[in-house]
Amino acid sequence: MKVAVAGLWHLGTVTAACCAYGAHDVIAFDDSNVIANLKQGSLPVDEPGLNVLIAAGLKSGRLRFTEDAADLSESEILWICYDTPVSDNDVADTEFVCSQITNVLPYLRPDALVLISSQLPVGTTARLNEARPELTFAYSPENLRLGKAIDLFVKPDRVVIGVRNDESKRRLCSLFQPFTGAIEWMSIESAEMTKHALNAFLATSISFINEVAAVCETTGADAQQVERGLKSDTRIGPRAYLHPGAAFAGGTLARDLSFLCTMGKEHGVPTHLLEGVSQSNSAHKLWGRRRLQELLGDLKGKVIALLGLTYKPGTDTLRRSSSIETCRWLLEQGAVVRAFDPAITRLPEDLGMVRLERSGERVLKGSDAAFIATPWPEFRAIPPLAFAQMRRALVLDPARHLEDILRDQRGIEYVAIGVSR
């Protein structure tokens, strides 16, 4: 099929590359700055295998980039993949995405199908269709995760798609045929709501287990053992989002919570649970700060080693990273902050006081506490002796990433979420 992909950040670049891999003819569209960077091999986000997949698509001729919206007229399907910007207060800039979509609609041929995967409030697809009623619209919520996006795209458990008619089903079956036949068909509005509900459910699960973990810390219970007990129940299951650890960050889950709470207020429907999830998560973000102050007292002049800066392992993005927020807070407290992350060589300008080290061993030397902020696999290779030789061998490990390595090491104070010291 001839497929156009509009919006080339994480979702769009993965979608374009994978569609070309699936033998579709793909034209990928964005503004001139984004296209110039892509043509030079500079990807917007570090995603394992993405550069290789893009190079293969370009070499085969199945993939090409354009900044000219007129080129979209060749395509049978336009796949909308613009990332929805989110403010620090979890407010989504949906107008940006909608304006990008309406700008390209005039270039489409009348029989084109517009498939939207950008995160937008329920009802948005119908409103966009009003701009060109002769076009056919559909909605498929994206289900990618940083670091695993390509595998999730080409081998999904299932795909949710909202359509208006059987002809849309036929065309979209052809689009997804190289990847899966497991498609959950529903109305467009139901597909839009599915994305909100899914992320809100995951956010609720994370906040739930973290609140349970906080109580475990005061009672002698072990939250990981409680997690095992919960997941062994067939009503919950082993893949449930019930791992005690850091608060959710990055904006994606919070964005859909915000969508649902806002829609509830607009229609006079109480959303007590969802509002409570946001409040619980915000409180849990302070776990590391609270424990550092409890254990070290005044942080002024204390040397804190941060292991991990990115939003999550397997990517180089710092956007909405809780570790970056912790850096800023530590500097405000007068602490001396050192950091190491295997994917980061530069920090934002406002973090110029943070000393970026080249290895885990170097960042630990002379530190009063180490905070495992992002659980990179590389950190498991740091010798326990490097922790033991800190000025004070205090290790805070929210996700218990190094528990089997450090917890029983003599001389190391090991502190984690969900377990009493």
Protein backbone atom coordinates (compact mmCIF):
# COMPACT_ATOMS: atom_id res chain seq x y z
CA MET A 1 0.00 0.00 0.00
CA LYS A 2 0.99 3.62 -0.44
CA VAL A 3 1.16 5.00 3.08
CA ALA A 4 2.00 8.49 4.31
CA VAL A 5 3.10 9.10 7.90
CA ALA A 6 2.76 12.62 9.28
CA GLY A 7 4.63 13.63 12.45
CA LEU A 8 8.10 12.20 12.84
CA TRP A 9 8.98 12.11 16.51
CA HIS A 10 9.12 8.75 18.29
CA LEU A 11 5.77 7.32 17.19
CA GLY A 12 6.07 8.60 13.62
CA THR A 13 9.62 7.49 12.91
CA VAL A 14 8.93 3.99 14.28
CA THR A 15 5.66 3.76 12.33
CA ALA A 16 7.25 4.89 9.05
CA ALA A 17 10.26 2.57 9.39
CA CYS A 18 8.14 -0.44 10.35
CA CYS A 19 5.62 0.12 7.56
CA ALA A 20 8.50 0.18 5.05
CA TYR A 21 9.85 -3.00 6.67
CA GLY A 22 6.39 -4.51 6.11
CA ALA A 23 6.77 -3.82 2.34
CA HIS A 24 4.49 -0.78 2.15
CA ASP A 25 5.59 2.23 0.11
CA VAL A 26 6.02 4.95 2.73
CA ILE A 27 6.41 8.70 2.49
CA ALA A 28 7.21 10.31 5.84
CA PHE A 29 6.27 13.97 6.32
CA ASP A 30 7.20 16.70 8.78
CA ASP A 31 8.59 20.24 8.77
CA SER A 32 11.89 21.15 7.13
CA ASN A 33 13.99 21.08 10.33
CA VAL A 34 12.84 17.59 11.31
CA ILE A 35 13.36 16.27 7.77
CA ALA A 36 16.83 17.81 7.52
CA ASN A 37 17.89 16.07 10.73
CA LEU A 38 16.47 12.73 9.61
CA LYS A 39 18.23 12.93 6.25
CA GLN A 40 21.49 13.48 8.14
CA GLY A 41 20.83 10.37 10.22
CA SER A 42 19.90 12.29 13.39
CA LEU A 43 16.91 10.60 15.06
CA PRO A 44 14.60 12.53 17.41
CA VAL A 45 14.73 9.75 20.05
CA ASP A 46 17.18 6.93 20.69
CA GLU A 47 15.26 3.73 19.96
CA PRO A 48 17.16 0.41 19.64
CA GLY A 49 17.27 -0.77 16.02
CA LEU A 50 15.46 2.25 14.58
CA ASN A 51 18.46 3.68 12.72
CA VAL A 52 19.10 0.32 11.06
CA LEU A 53 15.45 -0.04 10.06
CA ILE A 54 15.32 3.48 8.59
CA ALA A 55 18.54 2.91 6.65
CA ALA A 56 17.13 -0.32 5.22
CA GLY A 57 13.91 1.43 4.18
CA LEU A 58 15.79 4.23 2.45
CA LYS A 59 18.09 1.80 0.66
CA SER A 60 15.19 -0.33 -0.59
CA GLY A 61 13.29 2.72 -1.80
CA ARG A 62 10.31 1.78 0.37
CA LEU A 63 10.85 4.83 2.59
CA ARG A 64 11.42 8.45 1.72
CA PHE A 65 11.19 11.70 3.65
CA THR A 66 9.50 14.91 2.53
CA GLU A 67 8.71 18.38 3.84
CA ASP A 68 6.30 19.06 0.95
CA ALA A 69 2.69 18.34 1.94
CA ALA A 70 1.75 18.07 -1.72
CA ASP A 71 3.57 14.71 -1.80
CA LEU A 72 0.87 13.27 0.48
CA SER A 73 -1.56 13.25 -2.44
CA GLU A 74 -0.02 9.99 -3.68
CA SER A 75 -1.09 8.02 -0.60
CA GLU A 76 -4.03 5.71 0.05
CA ILE A 77 -3.68 6.07 3.81
CA LEU A 78 -2.40 9.01 5.87
CA TRP A 79 -1.26 7.85 9.30
CA ILE A 80 -1.26 10.73 11.81
CA CYS A 81 1.52 10.24 14.37
CA TYR A 82 2.21 13.68 15.84
CA ASP A 83 3.25 13.52 19.49
CA THR A 84 0.90 15.52 21.69
CA PRO A 85 2.99 17.99 23.73
CA VAL A 86 2.33 17.98 27.48
CA SER A 87 3.15 20.78 29.91
CA ASP A 88 4.78 20.26 33.30
CA ASN A 89 1.24 20.39 34.72
CA ASP A 90 0.14 17.47 32.52
CA VAL A 91 -1.93 19.69 30.23
CA ALA A 92 -1.87 18.46 26.64
CA ASP A 93 -1.50 20.90 23.73
CA THR A 94 -4.09 19.24 21.52
CA GLU A 95 -4.51 22.36 19.39
CA PHE A 96 -0.96 21.92 18.07
CA VAL A 97 -1.76 18.43 16.82
CA CYS A 98 -5.15 19.40 15.41
CA SER A 99 -3.64 22.33 13.51
CA GLN A 100 -0.98 20.05 12.00
CA ILE A 101 -3.68 17.65 10.85
CA THR A 102 -5.97 20.29 9.34
CA ASN A 103 -2.99 21.79 7.49
CA VAL A 104 -2.36 18.56 5.56
CA LEU A 105 -5.95 17.45 4.89
CA PRO A 106 -6.38 19.67 1.78
CA TYR A 107 -3.58 17.75 0.03
CA LEU A 108 -5.25 14.34 0.29
CA ARG A 109 -7.16 12.73 -2.54
CA PRO A 110 -10.91 12.28 -1.88
CA ASP A 111 -10.71 8.50 -1.41
CA ALA A 112 -7.87 8.65 1.15
CA LEU A 113 -8.27 7.17 4.61
CA VAL A 114 -6.95 9.16 7.57
CA LEU A 115 -5.80 6.95 10.47
CA ILE A 116 -5.10 8.91 13.66
CA SER A 117 -2.83 7.52 16.38
CA SER A 118 -1.92 10.78 18.11
CA GLN A 119 -3.18 11.02 21.68
CA LEU A 120 -6.22 13.27 21.51
CA PRO A 121 -9.41 13.54 23.61
CA VAL A 122 -12.35 11.36 22.64
CA GLY A 123 -14.47 13.11 20.02
CA THR A 124 -11.53 14.80 18.28
CA THR A 125 -11.55 12.48 15.26
CA ALA A 126 -15.20 13.29 14.52
CA ARG A 127 -14.49 17.03 14.75
CA LEU A 128 -11.51 16.73 12.39
CA ASN A 129 -13.63 14.77 9.90
CA GLU A 130 -15.92 17.79 9.65
CA ALA A 131 -13.09 19.72 7.95
CA ARG A 132 -13.23 17.28 4.99
CA PRO A 133 -16.41 15.19 5.21
CA GLU A 134 -15.62 13.31 2.00
CA LEU A 135 -12.56 11.71 3.63
CA THR A 136 -12.78 8.53 5.67
CA PHE A 137 -11.35 8.68 9.20
CA ALA A 138 -10.32 5.94 11.64
CA TYR A 139 -8.55 5.86 15.00
CA SER A 140 -5.97 3.42 16.38
CA PRO A 141 -4.38 4.21 19.76
CA GLU A 142 -0.61 3.78 19.74
CA ASN A 143 0.80 1.18 22.09
CA LEU A 144 4.55 1.72 21.81
CA ARG A 145 7.03 2.01 24.65
CA LEU A 146 10.45 3.57 24.54
CA GLY A 147 13.14 0.95 24.16
CA LYS A 148 10.73 -1.74 22.89
CA ALA A 149 8.83 0.14 20.22
CA ILE A 150 9.87 -1.82 17.13
CA ASP A 151 9.06 -5.24 18.61
CA LEU A 152 5.70 -3.95 19.85
CA PHE A 153 4.88 -2.56 16.41
CA VAL A 154 5.81 -5.58 14.30
CA LYS A 155 4.63 -8.22 16.82
CA PRO A 156 1.72 -6.66 18.74
CA ASP A 157 -0.50 -8.67 21.07
CA ARG A 158 -3.41 -7.00 19.32
CA VAL A 159 -4.31 -3.71 17.65
CA VAL A 160 -7.34 -1.60 18.58
CA ILE A 161 -8.97 0.23 15.65
CA GLY A 162 -12.08 2.38 15.54
CA VAL A 163 -13.84 2.66 12.17
CA ARG A 164 -17.10 3.85 10.63
CA ASN A 165 -17.61 1.24 7.90
CA ASP A 166 -16.56 -2.13 6.46
CA GLU A 167 -14.52 -0.58 3.65
CA SER A 168 -12.25 1.02 6.28
CA LYS A 169 -11.84 -2.42 7.88
CA ARG A 170 -10.78 -3.93 4.55
CA ARG A 171 -8.15 -1.27 3.90
CA LEU A 172 -6.78 -1.33 7.41
CA CYS A 173 -6.55 -5.13 7.37
CA SER A 174 -4.23 -4.71 4.37
CA LEU A 175 -2.20 -2.10 6.24
CA PHE A 176 -1.68 -4.32 9.29
CA GLN A 177 -1.48 -7.64 7.41
CA PRO A 178 2.37 -7.80 7.57
CA PHE A 179 2.23 -7.49 11.37
CA THR A 180 -0.96 -8.99 12.84
CA GLY A 181 -4.49 -10.13 12.16
CA ALA A 182 -5.48 -9.73 15.82
CA ILE A 183 -7.53 -6.55 15.53
CA GLU A 184 -10.16 -5.38 18.01
CA TRP A 185 -12.71 -3.49 15.89
CA MET A 186 -14.94 -0.90 17.51
CA SER A 187 -16.37 2.58 17.01
CA ILE A 188 -13.98 5.51 16.67
CA GLU A 189 -15.12 7.02 19.96
CA SER A 190 -14.66 3.69 21.76
CA ALA A 191 -11.12 3.37 20.37
CA GLU A 192 -10.31 6.89 21.53
CA MET A 193 -11.69 6.11 24.97
CA THR A 194 -9.80 2.81 25.10
CA LYS A 195 -6.50 4.70 25.03
CA HIS A 196 -7.58 6.98 27.87
CA ALA A 197 -8.90 4.07 29.91
CA LEU A 198 -5.85 1.87 29.33
CA ASN A 199 -3.36 4.49 30.48
CA ALA A 200 -5.56 5.48 33.41
CA PHE A 201 -5.75 1.82 34.49
CA LEU A 202 -1.97 1.41 34.29
CA ALA A 203 -1.50 4.65 36.26
CA THR A 204 -3.96 3.43 38.88
CA SER A 205 -2.12 0.10 39.20
CA ILE A 206 1.23 1.85 39.70
CA SER A 207 -0.14 4.25 42.31
CA PHE A 208 -1.95 1.44 44.10
CA ILE A 209 1.10 -0.78 44.57
CA ASN A 210 3.29 2.16 45.55
CA GLU A 211 0.85 3.15 48.29
CA VAL A 212 0.81 -0.46 49.50
CA ALA A 213 4.62 -0.42 49.41
CA ALA A 214 4.74 2.70 51.59
CA VAL A 215 2.68 0.92 54.24
CA CYS A 216 4.92 -2.15 53.92
CA GLU A 217 7.95 -0.03 54.85
CA THR A 218 6.38 0.72 58.24
CA THR A 219 5.04 -2.73 59.06
CA GLY A 220 7.86 -5.16 58.24
CA ALA A 221 6.07 -6.53 55.16
CA ASP A 222 7.94 -6.83 51.86
CA ALA A 223 6.10 -5.23 48.94
CA GLN A 224 7.75 -7.51 46.38
CA GLN A 225 6.42 -10.54 48.20
CA VAL A 226 3.00 -8.89 48.31
CA GLU A 227 3.34 -8.26 44.56
CA ARG A 228 4.00 -11.97 44.04
CA GLY A 229 0.94 -12.85 46.08
CA LEU A 230 -1.25 -10.52 44.03
CA LYS A 231 0.01 -11.71 40.64
CA SER A 232 -0.50 -15.37 41.55
CA ASP A 233 -4.23 -14.67 41.80
CA THR A 234 -5.84 -15.54 38.45
CA ARG A 235 -8.10 -12.48 38.69
CA ILE A 236 -5.00 -10.28 38.50
CA GLY A 237 -2.31 -12.24 36.63
CA PRO A 238 1.49 -12.18 36.24
CA ARG A 239 1.67 -9.28 33.74
CA ALA A 240 -0.21 -6.76 35.89
CA TYR A 241 1.42 -3.35 36.40
CA LEU A 242 2.07 -4.05 40.07
CA HIS A 243 5.80 -3.65 40.57
CA PRO A 244 6.61 -1.36 43.53
CA GLY A 245 9.02 1.35 42.46
CA ALA A 246 9.24 4.85 41.13
CA ALA A 247 6.25 7.05 40.38
CA PHE A 248 5.13 7.12 36.78
CA ALA A 249 6.60 9.97 34.76
CA GLY A 250 7.05 11.05 31.15
CA GLY A 251 3.61 12.59 30.64
CA THR A 252 1.84 9.77 28.75
CA LEU A 253 -0.14 8.24 31.61
CA ALA A 254 -0.70 11.61 33.25
CA ARG A 255 -1.97 13.06 29.94
CA ASP A 256 -4.79 10.50 29.69
CA LEU A 257 -5.67 10.90 33.37
CA SER A 258 -5.95 14.62 32.69
CA PHE A 259 -8.11 14.01 29.60
CA LEU A 260 -10.56 11.88 31.58
CA CYS A 261 -10.72 14.23 34.58
CA THR A 262 -11.28 17.23 32.30
CA MET A 263 -14.04 15.46 30.36
CA GLY A 264 -15.64 14.45 33.64
CA LYS A 265 -15.75 18.06 34.80
CA GLU A 266 -17.09 19.25 31.45
CA HIS A 267 -19.97 16.76 31.62
CA GLY A 268 -20.58 16.90 35.36
CA VAL A 269 -19.33 13.37 36.01
CA PRO A 270 -17.26 12.88 39.22
CA THR A 271 -13.83 11.31 38.74
CA HIS A 272 -12.79 10.88 42.38
CA LEU A 273 -10.62 7.80 41.78
CA LEU A 274 -8.74 9.26 38.81
CA GLU A 275 -8.07 12.55 40.59
CA GLY A 276 -6.78 10.56 43.57
CA VAL A 277 -4.39 8.63 41.34
CA SER A 278 -2.74 11.85 40.21
CA GLN A 279 -2.45 13.07 43.79
CA SER A 280 -1.02 9.75 44.98
CA ASN A 281 1.56 9.69 42.20
CA SER A 282 2.64 13.27 42.90
CA ALA A 283 3.17 12.39 46.56
CA HIS A 284 5.12 9.23 45.68
CA LYS A 285 7.53 11.24 43.50
CA LEU A 286 8.87 12.68 46.76
CA TRP A 287 9.90 9.27 48.18
CA GLY A 288 13.59 9.73 47.37
CA ARG A 289 13.68 13.30 48.66
CA ARG A 290 11.95 12.32 51.89
CA ARG A 291 14.26 9.38 52.54
CA LEU A 292 17.41 11.38 51.77
CA GLN A 293 16.41 14.04 54.29
CA GLU A 294 15.44 11.42 56.90
CA LEU A 295 18.80 9.67 56.58
CA LEU A 296 21.17 12.57 55.91
CA GLY A 297 19.42 15.50 57.53
CA ASP A 298 20.44 18.86 56.04
CA LEU A 299 21.62 18.16 52.49
CA LYS A 300 23.69 21.32 52.13
CA GLY A 301 27.21 20.33 51.08
CA LYS A 302 26.33 16.61 50.93
CA VAL A 303 27.57 14.81 47.81
CA ILE A 304 24.78 12.88 46.10
CA ALA A 305 25.50 10.45 43.25
CA LEU A 306 22.66 10.00 40.78
CA LEU A 307 22.82 6.85 38.70
CA GLY A 308 20.54 7.35 35.71
CA LEU A 309 19.08 10.51 34.23
CA THR A 310 16.83 9.43 31.38
CA TYR A 311 13.08 8.99 31.53
CA LYS A 312 13.61 5.21 31.36
CA PRO A 313 16.35 2.74 30.35
CA GLY A 314 16.93 2.20 26.65
CA THR A 315 16.39 5.79 25.56
CA ASP A 316 18.25 9.10 25.67
CA THR A 317 15.25 11.33 26.34
CA LEU A 318 15.28 13.57 29.41
CA ARG A 319 11.81 14.96 28.78
CA ARG A 320 9.69 14.67 31.94
CA SER A 321 12.39 12.61 33.64
CA SER A 322 11.87 12.31 37.40
CA SER A 323 15.65 12.05 37.80
CA ILE A 324 16.09 15.49 36.26
CA GLU A 325 13.47 16.86 38.65
CA THR A 326 15.44 15.30 41.53
CA CYS A 327 18.65 16.95 40.26
CA ARG A 328 17.01 20.36 40.37
CA TRP A 329 15.62 19.77 43.86
CA LEU A 330 18.99 18.59 45.20
CA LEU A 331 20.68 21.72 43.86
CA GLU A 332 18.02 23.84 45.55
CA GLN A 333 18.89 22.09 48.84
CA GLY A 334 22.55 23.03 48.40
CA ALA A 335 23.72 19.49 47.69
CA VAL A 336 26.68 18.69 45.44
CA VAL A 337 25.27 16.57 42.64
CA ARG A 338 27.20 14.10 40.50
CA ALA A 339 25.53 11.99 37.83
CA PHE A 340 26.18 9.18 35.41
CA ASP A 341 23.95 7.83 32.66
CA PRO A 342 25.22 5.58 29.83
CA ALA A 343 23.11 7.46 27.25
CA ILE A 344 23.77 11.06 28.33
CA THR A 345 26.79 13.23 27.54
CA ARG A 346 25.16 16.66 27.97
CA LEU A 347 22.70 18.11 30.45
CA PRO A 348 20.17 20.95 30.18
CA GLU A 349 21.72 24.39 30.65
CA ASP A 350 20.08 24.94 34.04
CA LEU A 351 21.92 21.88 35.39
CA GLY A 352 25.37 23.24 34.76
CA MET A 353 26.24 22.71 38.45
CA VAL A 354 25.77 18.94 38.06
CA ARG A 355 29.02 17.11 37.45
CA LEU A 356 28.51 14.51 34.73
CA GLU A 357 30.86 11.55 35.23
CA ARG A 358 31.98 8.94 32.70
CA SER A 359 31.35 5.82 34.78
CA GLY A 360 29.42 4.47 37.73
CA GLU A 361 32.57 3.96 39.77
CA ARG A 362 33.65 7.59 39.30
CA VAL A 363 30.27 9.00 40.28
CA LEU A 364 30.25 7.01 43.54
CA LYS A 365 33.70 8.02 44.75
CA GLY A 366 33.46 10.36 47.74
CA SER A 367 29.65 10.43 47.75
CA ASP A 368 27.45 10.57 50.84
CA ALA A 369 24.58 8.75 49.12
CA ALA A 370 23.84 7.05 45.81
CA PHE A 371 20.40 7.23 44.23
CA ILE A 372 19.53 4.64 41.55
CA ALA A 373 17.21 6.92 39.62
CA THR A 374 16.94 5.01 36.32
CA PRO A 375 17.48 1.22 36.43
CA TRP A 376 19.91 0.79 33.54
CA PRO A 377 21.23 -2.80 33.16
CA GLU A 378 24.78 -1.39 33.03
CA PHE A 379 24.57 -0.46 36.71
CA ARG A 380 24.52 -4.13 37.68
CA ALA A 381 28.12 -4.36 36.47
CA ILE A 382 29.35 -1.80 39.03
CA PRO A 383 31.40 -3.69 41.64
CA PRO A 384 29.83 -3.75 45.12
CA LEU A 385 33.20 -2.52 46.42
CA ALA A 386 32.63 0.78 44.60
CA PHE A 387 29.50 1.32 46.70
CA ALA A 388 31.17 0.16 49.91
CA GLN A 389 33.98 2.69 49.45
CA MET A 390 31.69 5.72 49.25
CA ARG A 391 32.18 8.33 51.97
CA ARG A 392 28.92 6.98 53.41
CA ALA A 393 27.74 3.79 51.76
CA LEU A 394 24.07 4.77 51.61
CA VAL A 395 22.22 3.47 48.53
CA LEU A 396 18.64 4.42 47.67
CA ASP A 397 17.24 2.06 45.06
CA PRO A 398 13.51 2.71 44.48
CA ALA A 399 12.98 -0.10 41.94
CA ARG A 400 15.20 -2.55 43.90
CA HIS A 401 17.28 -2.91 40.76
CA LEU A 402 20.45 -3.87 42.64
CA GLU A 403 18.84 -5.58 45.62
CA ASP A 404 20.29 -9.04 44.95
CA ILE A 405 23.75 -7.47 44.64
CA LEU A 406 23.80 -4.93 47.47
CA ARG A 407 21.25 -5.69 50.14
CA ASP A 408 23.32 -8.18 52.11
CA GLN A 409 26.68 -6.50 51.48
CA ARG A 410 28.40 -5.67 54.76
CA GLY A 411 28.85 -1.96 55.33
CA ILE A 412 26.23 -0.84 52.79
CA GLU A 413 23.02 0.86 53.94
CA TYR A 414 20.52 -0.34 51.36
CA VAL A 415 17.14 1.46 51.19
CA ALA A 416 14.35 0.55 48.76
CA ILE A 417 10.65 1.11 48.24
CA GLY A 418 8.36 -1.35 49.96
CA VAL A 419 10.76 -2.88 52.48
CA SER A 420 11.69 -1.77 55.99
CA ARG A 421 15.39 -1.11 56.71
